[in-house]
Amino acid sequence: MKLSEINKPKENYRDELYQTNNSYTIGVNDGKEFRNAIFTGTKLYHGKPMLTFVMKTNNEHINLNINQSYLSYSIEEPMEDENG
């Protein structure tokens, strides 16, 4: 391997698993399920990466933070039709 190949910038192959502002059904390993959770991003909590979501109820917004190691599954919810 040549020195120029070592210092060559790496291509970014990271696909985003979650798209910001998309709605997901989230299942965690203790059997709980959270439906229509809107992905807002990630953050560090005591050095551990957390997925952050917002759930809308009747009159309030509930913040949901999930440690990725406890995540069992996530299903992207279909987008709602804005015209109808």
N, C-alpha and C. Protein backbone atom coordinates (compact mmCIF):
# COMPACT_ATOMS: atom_id res chain seq x y z
N MET A 1 0.85 -1.18 0.00
CA MET A 1 0.00 0.00 0.00
C MET A 1 0.88 1.23 0.00
N LYS A 2 0.54 2.20 -0.83
CA LYS A 2 1.31 3.43 -0.95
C LYS A 2 0.87 4.43 0.11
N LEU A 3 1.78 5.33 0.45
CA LEU A 3 1.49 6.36 1.44
C LEU A 3 0.33 7.24 0.99
N SER A 4 0.23 7.52 -0.30
CA SER A 4 -0.87 8.35 -0.79
C SER A 4 -2.23 7.67 -0.61
N GLU A 5 -2.26 6.33 -0.63
CA GLU A 5 -3.50 5.61 -0.42
C GLU A 5 -3.92 5.62 1.05
N ILE A 6 -2.95 5.66 1.94
CA ILE A 6 -3.26 5.68 3.38
C ILE A 6 -3.89 7.01 3.76
N ASN A 7 -3.36 8.11 3.23
CA ASN A 7 -3.85 9.44 3.58
C ASN A 7 -5.04 9.88 2.75
N LYS A 8 -5.47 9.06 1.84
CA LYS A 8 -6.61 9.39 0.98
C LYS A 8 -7.88 9.45 1.82
N PRO A 9 -8.73 10.48 1.64
CA PRO A 9 -9.96 10.54 2.43
C PRO A 9 -10.86 9.34 2.15
N LYS A 10 -11.46 8.85 3.18
CA LYS A 10 -12.35 7.70 3.07
C LYS A 10 -13.71 8.14 2.54
N GLU A 11 -14.32 7.31 1.73
CA GLU A 11 -15.67 7.59 1.27
C GLU A 11 -16.64 7.34 2.41
N ASN A 12 -17.68 8.11 2.45
CA ASN A 12 -18.66 7.98 3.52
C ASN A 12 -19.72 6.96 3.11
N TYR A 13 -19.69 5.80 3.74
CA TYR A 13 -20.65 4.76 3.45
C TYR A 13 -21.78 4.71 4.48
N ARG A 14 -21.77 5.62 5.42
CA ARG A 14 -22.75 5.59 6.50
C ARG A 14 -24.12 6.02 5.98
N ASP A 15 -25.04 5.11 5.98
CA ASP A 15 -26.42 5.45 5.65
C ASP A 15 -27.14 5.81 6.93
N GLU A 16 -27.92 6.84 6.89
CA GLU A 16 -28.69 7.22 8.06
C GLU A 16 -29.82 6.22 8.24
N LEU A 17 -29.86 5.59 9.39
CA LEU A 17 -30.90 4.61 9.66
C LEU A 17 -32.23 5.28 9.95
N TYR A 18 -32.16 6.45 10.56
CA TYR A 18 -33.38 7.19 10.90
C TYR A 18 -33.33 8.54 10.21
N GLN A 19 -34.45 8.95 9.67
CA GLN A 19 -34.56 10.25 9.03
C GLN A 19 -35.27 11.21 9.99
N THR A 20 -34.70 12.37 10.19
CA THR A 20 -35.27 13.36 11.10
C THR A 20 -36.68 13.73 10.65
N ASN A 21 -37.57 13.83 11.61
CA ASN A 21 -38.99 14.19 11.44
C ASN A 21 -39.82 13.08 10.81
N ASN A 22 -39.28 11.89 10.64
CA ASN A 22 -40.09 10.74 10.21
C ASN A 22 -40.65 10.04 11.43
N SER A 23 -41.78 9.40 11.27
CA SER A 23 -42.48 8.73 12.35
C SER A 23 -42.14 7.23 12.34
N TYR A 24 -41.90 6.66 13.53
CA TYR A 24 -41.51 5.26 13.67
C TYR A 24 -42.31 4.60 14.78
N THR A 25 -42.47 3.29 14.68
CA THR A 25 -42.91 2.47 15.80
C THR A 25 -41.65 1.85 16.38
N ILE A 26 -41.43 2.06 17.68
CA ILE A 26 -40.21 1.63 18.34
C ILE A 26 -40.55 0.51 19.32
N GLY A 27 -39.81 -0.57 19.27
CA GLY A 27 -39.95 -1.66 20.24
C GLY A 27 -38.66 -1.83 21.00
N VAL A 28 -38.77 -1.96 22.31
CA VAL A 28 -37.58 -2.16 23.14
C VAL A 28 -37.60 -3.57 23.71
N ASN A 29 -36.44 -3.99 24.25
CA ASN A 29 -36.29 -5.39 24.60
C ASN A 29 -37.08 -5.85 25.83
N ASP A 30 -37.78 -4.96 26.52
CA ASP A 30 -38.63 -5.40 27.62
C ASP A 30 -40.08 -5.58 27.18
N GLY A 31 -40.35 -5.43 25.87
CA GLY A 31 -41.67 -5.68 25.33
C GLY A 31 -42.52 -4.44 25.11
N LYS A 32 -42.04 -3.28 25.55
CA LYS A 32 -42.82 -2.06 25.35
C LYS A 32 -42.73 -1.62 23.89
N GLU A 33 -43.80 -0.98 23.43
CA GLU A 33 -43.86 -0.49 22.05
C GLU A 33 -44.35 0.95 22.08
N PHE A 34 -43.70 1.80 21.32
CA PHE A 34 -44.06 3.21 21.22
C PHE A 34 -44.42 3.48 19.76
N ARG A 35 -45.66 3.86 19.53
CA ARG A 35 -46.13 4.10 18.17
C ARG A 35 -46.10 5.59 17.85
N ASN A 36 -45.90 5.88 16.57
CA ASN A 36 -45.88 7.26 16.06
C ASN A 36 -44.89 8.15 16.81
N ALA A 37 -43.70 7.61 17.05
CA ALA A 37 -42.63 8.40 17.66
C ALA A 37 -41.86 9.10 16.54
N ILE A 38 -41.74 10.40 16.62
CA ILE A 38 -41.08 11.20 15.59
C ILE A 38 -39.61 11.37 15.97
N PHE A 39 -38.72 10.92 15.08
CA PHE A 39 -37.28 10.98 15.34
C PHE A 39 -36.80 12.43 15.27
N THR A 40 -36.10 12.87 16.33
CA THR A 40 -35.60 14.24 16.38
C THR A 40 -34.08 14.31 16.33
N GLY A 41 -33.39 13.20 16.51
CA GLY A 41 -31.93 13.21 16.43
C GLY A 41 -31.29 12.28 17.45
N THR A 42 -30.04 12.56 17.75
CA THR A 42 -29.29 11.78 18.74
C THR A 42 -28.65 12.73 19.74
N LYS A 43 -28.29 12.20 20.89
CA LYS A 43 -27.55 12.97 21.88
C LYS A 43 -26.77 12.01 22.76
N LEU A 44 -25.82 12.54 23.50
CA LEU A 44 -25.04 11.75 24.44
C LEU A 44 -25.61 11.95 25.83
N TYR A 45 -25.80 10.86 26.56
CA TYR A 45 -26.26 10.91 27.94
C TYR A 45 -25.28 10.09 28.76
N HIS A 46 -24.50 10.76 29.58
CA HIS A 46 -23.42 10.12 30.35
C HIS A 46 -22.49 9.32 29.43
N GLY A 47 -22.20 9.88 28.28
CA GLY A 47 -21.28 9.26 27.35
C GLY A 47 -21.87 8.18 26.46
N LYS A 48 -23.15 7.89 26.61
CA LYS A 48 -23.79 6.85 25.80
C LYS A 48 -24.67 7.51 24.74
N PRO A 49 -24.58 7.03 23.49
CA PRO A 49 -25.43 7.61 22.45
C PRO A 49 -26.89 7.21 22.64
N MET A 50 -27.77 8.18 22.54
CA MET A 50 -29.20 7.95 22.71
C MET A 50 -29.93 8.43 21.46
N LEU A 51 -30.99 7.70 21.09
CA LEU A 51 -31.88 8.14 20.03
C LEU A 51 -32.98 8.97 20.68
N THR A 52 -33.31 10.12 20.11
CA THR A 52 -34.33 10.99 20.69
C THR A 52 -35.54 11.05 19.78
N PHE A 53 -36.71 10.94 20.40
CA PHE A 53 -37.98 10.97 19.69
C PHE A 53 -38.93 11.88 20.45
N VAL A 54 -39.98 12.34 19.77
CA VAL A 54 -41.07 13.08 20.39
C VAL A 54 -42.35 12.35 20.05
N MET A 55 -43.20 12.18 21.07
CA MET A 55 -44.51 11.57 20.87
C MET A 55 -45.56 12.62 21.19
N LYS A 56 -46.50 12.79 20.30
CA LYS A 56 -47.57 13.77 20.50
C LYS A 56 -48.79 13.08 21.08
N THR A 57 -49.29 13.61 22.20
CA THR A 57 -50.53 13.12 22.79
C THR A 57 -51.58 14.21 22.60
N ASN A 58 -52.69 14.09 23.28
CA ASN A 58 -53.79 15.05 23.10
C ASN A 58 -53.34 16.50 23.28
N ASN A 59 -52.75 16.81 24.41
CA ASN A 59 -52.42 18.20 24.71
C ASN A 59 -50.95 18.45 24.95
N GLU A 60 -50.10 17.44 24.81
CA GLU A 60 -48.70 17.63 25.17
C GLU A 60 -47.77 16.81 24.28
N HIS A 61 -46.49 17.14 24.37
CA HIS A 61 -45.45 16.41 23.67
C HIS A 61 -44.62 15.68 24.71
N ILE A 62 -44.34 14.42 24.47
CA ILE A 62 -43.55 13.61 25.38
C ILE A 62 -42.22 13.30 24.70
N ASN A 63 -41.12 13.62 25.39
CA ASN A 63 -39.79 13.30 24.87
C ASN A 63 -39.45 11.86 25.22
N LEU A 64 -38.94 11.13 24.24
CA LEU A 64 -38.58 9.73 24.41
C LEU A 64 -37.12 9.57 24.02
N ASN A 65 -36.29 9.12 24.96
CA ASN A 65 -34.87 8.88 24.70
C ASN A 65 -34.62 7.39 24.87
N ILE A 66 -34.03 6.77 23.85
CA ILE A 66 -33.82 5.33 23.89
C ILE A 66 -32.34 5.02 23.68
N ASN A 67 -31.79 4.22 24.60
CA ASN A 67 -30.43 3.71 24.44
C ASN A 67 -30.47 2.68 23.32
N GLN A 68 -29.58 2.83 22.35
CA GLN A 68 -29.60 1.95 21.18
C GLN A 68 -29.42 0.48 21.53
N SER A 69 -28.76 0.17 22.63
CA SER A 69 -28.54 -1.23 22.99
C SER A 69 -29.82 -1.89 23.50
N TYR A 70 -30.84 -1.13 23.86
CA TYR A 70 -32.12 -1.69 24.30
C TYR A 70 -33.16 -1.73 23.19
N LEU A 71 -32.81 -1.22 22.04
CA LEU A 71 -33.74 -1.18 20.91
C LEU A 71 -33.84 -2.56 20.28
N SER A 72 -35.05 -3.09 20.20
CA SER A 72 -35.27 -4.38 19.57
C SER A 72 -35.61 -4.23 18.10
N TYR A 73 -36.47 -3.27 17.79
CA TYR A 73 -36.86 -3.04 16.40
C TYR A 73 -37.40 -1.64 16.24
N SER A 74 -37.42 -1.18 15.01
CA SER A 74 -38.08 0.07 14.66
C SER A 74 -38.67 -0.09 13.28
N ILE A 75 -39.88 0.41 13.12
CA ILE A 75 -40.60 0.32 11.85
C ILE A 75 -40.99 1.74 11.45
N GLU A 76 -40.61 2.12 10.24
CA GLU A 76 -40.97 3.45 9.77
C GLU A 76 -42.44 3.48 9.43
N GLU A 77 -43.15 4.47 9.97
CA GLU A 77 -44.57 4.63 9.71
C GLU A 77 -44.76 5.27 8.34
N PRO A 78 -45.85 4.93 7.63
CA PRO A 78 -46.09 5.57 6.34
C PRO A 78 -46.35 7.06 6.51
N MET A 79 -45.91 7.83 5.54
CA MET A 79 -46.11 9.29 5.57
C MET A 79 -47.59 9.58 5.34
N GLU A 80 -48.13 10.54 6.10
CA GLU A 80 -49.51 10.94 5.92
C GLU A 80 -49.63 11.86 4.72
N ASP A 81 -50.73 11.77 4.03
CA ASP A 81 -50.99 12.63 2.88
C ASP A 81 -51.35 14.02 3.39
N GLU A 82 -50.55 15.03 3.02
CA GLU A 82 -50.79 16.38 3.52
C GLU A 82 -51.97 17.05 2.83
N ASN A 83 -52.39 16.52 1.71
CA ASN A 83 -53.49 17.15 0.96
C ASN A 83 -54.87 16.62 1.34
N GLY A 84 -54.91 15.56 2.09
CA GLY A 84 -56.23 14.99 2.34
C GLY A 84 -56.31 14.49 3.68
